[in-house]
Amino acid sequence: MTELSTLYRTDYSALAQRNAELLRSGRYAELDVEHLLEELSDMGKSEGDRSFAGDLSDGMSLPGGANPR
C-alpha cells in the first residue's frame, strides 16, 4: 500500500494537500490517480445535484418578477 493510499483511508485532508503539492510540482506519476478520480467523480455528482436545484430555482420568481436567488 502506498503512502497516498494509506492517507486516503486515514487522513483525507493530508491526502488532498499531498495531491495538490504533487500536481503543483508536476509530479504526476506519484499521484494516487485511482482515489483522485473517485473523489473528483463524487464532487461532480454533488455539483450536478446543486446545479439541478439551481436550475429549478432559476425557473421560479416572486411576485413582481423578482428572482429568489
N, C-alpha and C. Protein backbone atom coordinates (compact mmCIF):
# COMPACT_ATOMS: atom_id res chain seq x y z
N MET A 1 0.86 -1.18 0.00
CA MET A 1 0.00 0.00 0.00
C MET A 1 0.90 1.24 0.00
N THR A 2 0.59 2.20 -0.87
CA THR A 2 1.39 3.41 -0.96
C THR A 2 1.03 4.40 0.15
N GLU A 3 1.89 5.38 0.31
CA GLU A 3 1.64 6.43 1.31
C GLU A 3 0.30 7.11 1.04
N LEU A 4 0.02 7.40 -0.23
CA LEU A 4 -1.22 8.09 -0.56
C LEU A 4 -2.45 7.22 -0.34
N SER A 5 -2.33 5.93 -0.61
CA SER A 5 -3.45 5.02 -0.34
C SER A 5 -3.73 4.96 1.16
N THR A 6 -2.67 4.98 1.95
CA THR A 6 -2.84 4.98 3.40
C THR A 6 -3.52 6.27 3.85
N LEU A 7 -3.08 7.41 3.30
CA LEU A 7 -3.71 8.69 3.65
C LEU A 7 -5.18 8.71 3.26
N TYR A 8 -5.52 8.09 2.13
CA TYR A 8 -6.92 8.04 1.69
C TYR A 8 -7.80 7.41 2.76
N ARG A 9 -7.26 6.41 3.43
CA ARG A 9 -8.02 5.69 4.45
C ARG A 9 -7.94 6.35 5.83
N THR A 10 -6.92 7.19 6.06
CA THR A 10 -6.69 7.68 7.42
C THR A 10 -6.77 9.18 7.59
N ASP A 11 -6.41 9.97 6.56
CA ASP A 11 -6.33 11.43 6.73
C ASP A 11 -6.63 12.11 5.40
N TYR A 12 -7.91 12.31 5.14
CA TYR A 12 -8.34 12.86 3.85
C TYR A 12 -7.75 14.24 3.59
N SER A 13 -7.68 15.07 4.60
CA SER A 13 -7.13 16.42 4.44
C SER A 13 -5.67 16.36 4.01
N ALA A 14 -4.89 15.51 4.66
CA ALA A 14 -3.48 15.36 4.30
C ALA A 14 -3.35 14.81 2.88
N LEU A 15 -4.24 13.91 2.50
CA LEU A 15 -4.22 13.36 1.15
C LEU A 15 -4.46 14.48 0.12
N ALA A 16 -5.45 15.30 0.36
CA ALA A 16 -5.77 16.40 -0.55
C ALA A 16 -4.59 17.35 -0.68
N GLN A 17 -3.96 17.68 0.44
CA GLN A 17 -2.80 18.57 0.42
C GLN A 17 -1.64 17.94 -0.35
N ARG A 18 -1.41 16.67 -0.12
CA ARG A 18 -0.30 15.98 -0.79
C ARG A 18 -0.54 15.90 -2.29
N ASN A 19 -1.76 15.55 -2.70
CA ASN A 19 -2.07 15.51 -4.13
C ASN A 19 -1.91 16.89 -4.76
N ALA A 20 -2.32 17.94 -4.06
CA ALA A 20 -2.16 19.30 -4.57
C ALA A 20 -0.68 19.65 -4.75
N GLU A 21 0.14 19.27 -3.79
CA GLU A 21 1.59 19.50 -3.90
C GLU A 21 2.17 18.79 -5.12
N LEU A 22 1.76 17.54 -5.30
CA LEU A 22 2.26 16.77 -6.43
C LEU A 22 1.81 17.37 -7.76
N LEU A 23 0.57 17.82 -7.84
CA LEU A 23 0.08 18.46 -9.06
C LEU A 23 0.83 19.75 -9.34
N ARG A 24 1.01 20.58 -8.32
CA ARG A 24 1.70 21.86 -8.49
C ARG A 24 3.14 21.68 -8.97
N SER A 25 3.78 20.62 -8.49
CA SER A 25 5.19 20.41 -8.84
C SER A 25 5.36 19.55 -10.10
N GLY A 26 4.23 19.15 -10.73
CA GLY A 26 4.29 18.39 -11.97
C GLY A 26 4.71 16.94 -11.78
N ARG A 27 4.57 16.42 -10.58
CA ARG A 27 4.97 15.04 -10.28
C ARG A 27 3.76 14.10 -10.43
N TYR A 28 3.25 14.05 -11.64
CA TYR A 28 2.00 13.35 -11.92
C TYR A 28 2.09 11.84 -11.69
N ALA A 29 3.23 11.25 -11.94
CA ALA A 29 3.38 9.80 -11.78
C ALA A 29 3.21 9.37 -10.33
N GLU A 30 3.37 10.30 -9.39
CA GLU A 30 3.27 9.96 -7.97
C GLU A 30 1.86 10.12 -7.40
N LEU A 31 0.93 10.66 -8.21
CA LEU A 31 -0.43 10.88 -7.74
C LEU A 31 -1.14 9.56 -7.46
N ASP A 32 -2.08 9.60 -6.54
CA ASP A 32 -2.96 8.47 -6.27
C ASP A 32 -4.16 8.64 -7.22
N VAL A 33 -3.93 8.30 -8.47
CA VAL A 33 -4.90 8.58 -9.53
C VAL A 33 -6.23 7.90 -9.28
N GLU A 34 -6.20 6.66 -8.86
CA GLU A 34 -7.45 5.91 -8.63
C GLU A 34 -8.36 6.65 -7.65
N HIS A 35 -7.82 7.04 -6.50
CA HIS A 35 -8.65 7.71 -5.49
C HIS A 35 -8.94 9.15 -5.87
N LEU A 36 -8.01 9.81 -6.55
CA LEU A 36 -8.25 11.18 -7.00
C LEU A 36 -9.42 11.22 -7.98
N LEU A 37 -9.45 10.29 -8.92
CA LEU A 37 -10.57 10.22 -9.87
C LEU A 37 -11.88 9.91 -9.18
N GLU A 38 -11.83 9.03 -8.20
CA GLU A 38 -13.04 8.70 -7.43
C GLU A 38 -13.60 9.94 -6.74
N GLU A 39 -12.73 10.71 -6.11
CA GLU A 39 -13.17 11.91 -5.40
C GLU A 39 -13.69 12.97 -6.37
N LEU A 40 -13.02 13.14 -7.50
CA LEU A 40 -13.48 14.11 -8.49
C LEU A 40 -14.84 13.71 -9.05
N SER A 41 -15.04 12.43 -9.28
CA SER A 41 -16.34 11.95 -9.76
C SER A 41 -17.43 12.23 -8.74
N ASP A 42 -17.12 11.98 -7.46
CA ASP A 42 -18.09 12.26 -6.40
C ASP A 42 -18.40 13.75 -6.33
N MET A 43 -17.38 14.59 -6.51
CA MET A 43 -17.61 16.04 -6.49
C MET A 43 -18.52 16.43 -7.64
N GLY A 44 -18.30 15.82 -8.80
CA GLY A 44 -19.13 16.11 -9.95
C GLY A 44 -20.58 15.73 -9.73
N LYS A 45 -20.80 14.62 -9.05
CA LYS A 45 -22.17 14.21 -8.73
C LYS A 45 -22.81 15.21 -7.80
N SER A 46 -22.08 15.64 -6.78
CA SER A 46 -22.61 16.62 -5.83
C SER A 46 -22.89 17.94 -6.53
N GLU A 47 -21.97 18.36 -7.40
CA GLU A 47 -22.16 19.61 -8.13
C GLU A 47 -23.37 19.51 -9.05
N GLY A 48 -23.56 18.35 -9.66
CA GLY A 48 -24.72 18.13 -10.52
C GLY A 48 -26.01 18.27 -9.75
N ASP A 49 -26.03 17.77 -8.52
CA ASP A 49 -27.22 17.90 -7.68
C ASP A 49 -27.49 19.38 -7.38
N ARG A 50 -26.43 20.12 -7.04
CA ARG A 50 -26.59 21.56 -6.75
C ARG A 50 -27.03 22.31 -7.99
N SER A 51 -26.45 21.93 -9.14
CA SER A 51 -26.80 22.59 -10.38
C SER A 51 -28.27 22.36 -10.72
N PHE A 52 -28.75 21.13 -10.51
CA PHE A 52 -30.15 20.81 -10.77
C PHE A 52 -31.05 21.65 -9.87
N ALA A 53 -30.70 21.76 -8.59
CA ALA A 53 -31.50 22.57 -7.67
C ALA A 53 -31.48 24.03 -8.10
N GLY A 54 -30.33 24.49 -8.56
CA GLY A 54 -30.22 25.87 -9.04
C GLY A 54 -31.06 26.09 -10.28
N ASP A 55 -31.08 25.10 -11.18
CA ASP A 55 -31.90 25.21 -12.38
C ASP A 55 -33.37 25.32 -12.01
N LEU A 56 -33.78 24.56 -11.01
CA LEU A 56 -35.18 24.62 -10.58
C LEU A 56 -35.51 26.00 -10.04
N SER A 57 -34.61 26.54 -9.20
CA SER A 57 -34.92 27.85 -8.61
C SER A 57 -34.82 28.97 -9.64
N ASP A 58 -34.04 28.77 -10.72
CA ASP A 58 -33.97 29.79 -11.77
C ASP A 58 -35.32 29.97 -12.45
N GLY A 59 -36.10 28.92 -12.47
CA GLY A 59 -37.41 29.00 -13.10
C GLY A 59 -38.47 29.61 -12.22
N MET A 60 -38.12 29.84 -10.95
CA MET A 60 -39.08 30.41 -10.00
C MET A 60 -38.89 31.92 -9.92
N SER A 61 -39.96 32.62 -9.70
CA SER A 61 -39.84 34.06 -9.46
C SER A 61 -40.90 34.48 -8.47
N LEU A 62 -40.58 35.53 -7.78
CA LEU A 62 -41.51 36.09 -6.81
C LEU A 62 -42.46 37.05 -7.51
N PRO A 63 -43.57 37.39 -6.85
CA PRO A 63 -44.47 38.37 -7.45
C PRO A 63 -43.71 39.63 -7.82
N GLY A 64 -44.03 40.19 -8.96
CA GLY A 64 -43.34 41.38 -9.42
C GLY A 64 -42.12 41.04 -10.25
N GLY A 65 -41.87 39.72 -10.50
CA GLY A 65 -40.77 39.32 -11.34
C GLY A 65 -39.43 39.16 -10.64
N ALA A 66 -39.38 39.36 -9.31
CA ALA A 66 -38.11 39.22 -8.59
C ALA A 66 -37.73 37.74 -8.52
N ASN A 67 -36.47 37.44 -8.74
CA ASN A 67 -35.95 36.08 -8.66
C ASN A 67 -35.47 35.84 -7.24
N PRO A 68 -35.78 34.66 -6.62
CA PRO A 68 -35.39 34.41 -5.24
C PRO A 68 -33.89 34.24 -5.05
N ARG A 69 -33.12 34.14 -6.11
CA ARG A 69 -31.67 33.98 -5.98
C ARG A 69 -30.97 35.28 -5.86
